[in-house]
Amino acid sequence: MKKRKHVFFIGVALSAMALLTVSGCGSDDPVYNQISANVSGLGSDSVVLQNNGGDDLTVSTDGTPAFVTKVIYGAGYHVTVKTQPSDRICVAASPSGTATAAVTVTVNCSARATVTGTLEDSNSGDMLGGVAIEARNPVDDSVLSSATTQNSVTGILGHYSINVPTGYDFYLHAKGRNVDGTDYTSANLQIGKDSDYTGTVKFYYTRTSDVNTLLPALGFSTADAVFSMDVEDSSGNGIAGVAVTADPGVSNIEYKQSDGSFSITGPTTTYNASSVIGNVAAPGGNATYTFTLSPAKTSGGAYDYTIGQSFKLRLIPGELSGPIEP
């Protein structure tokens, strides 16, 4: 009897373990979530989207199509535009995140505008050809469109023409590179929804050697995000008595003094030195900041700024940012 009872208990235990094992397998089955794109404003041409750098999805009409490949629970997704339509620019509103459920990413398409401009050496004023200019989505820094500054063979040296979205934020970016033996630091121009492109948009490409000299002199580091701007009237004359503030706050904002130095003394611009420079100390990531000039701009009055009273800049570690001043 004891042996039988012992065998019975062993049998019950083994059966319970088997049930637990089967049950455990079921609870460990991975969960996959669908990633979709809610596309609107597409027009007559198609757009090609990607998720996590692959899984191409061609969309020909407004709607909410899904990517073929689902994303495992807790993994990341990142929807980008691989190929833009011929007559639109499409922008993903909140393109990335963690897939803990089914996800739908909004993709807005709008008529495109054309921005023309030049790229020149900020030191010598020489026009620079063969440099990529990109319109980027400030939400994730993905490239919306690109163009290359012309050389003497393809057209007028240093000129570019690029398509940008209307009604949606973007910023222009010139990636740092070596041009004819000189190294230049990456540059960014003002996020564009609120910008006025009534003239040629100039990029001033700064030599890396100049940056490496200037930043330590100001107490900045090459890991900082650095911004600079001129506060001028519509004729290009410096405006005195203008204070610059940023939201969120930045590490330093310094005003150029009459002797050419930069200092927080004032803190406002002067007539003969309307330049402002500042930094965010080693932020470690990219972010959009809103800058405000005070007193407010008055049309045709003393404060007729060449840049808006309130505008956005994309500040990127190790790069230079500035507002567009047509």
Foldseek 3Di string as FASTA:
>chain_A
DVVVVVVVVVVVVVVVVVVVVVVVVVVPDWDWAWEKEQEPPQPQWWWWKAKPPDQIDIDGHGDIDIRPDTHTAFDKIFMDTPGHTPFWFKDWDQGMDGPNYHYYIYIYIAGKDKAKAFEAALVPRHTFWQWKKFKAALNVRDGRWIWTAHDPVRDDGGMIMIIDHEQHWIKIKTPWDAGPRFTWFIEIEFTPRPDDRPDHWYHHTYTPVVVVVPQVVVVADLQKFKEKEFWAALVRWGAWDKDKAKPPGADDKWFQDPVRDTHCVPVIYDRVTRMIMGIHHNPVAKDKMKMAIPPAADPPDSRRTLTHRIGIWITGTSHYYYYTRD
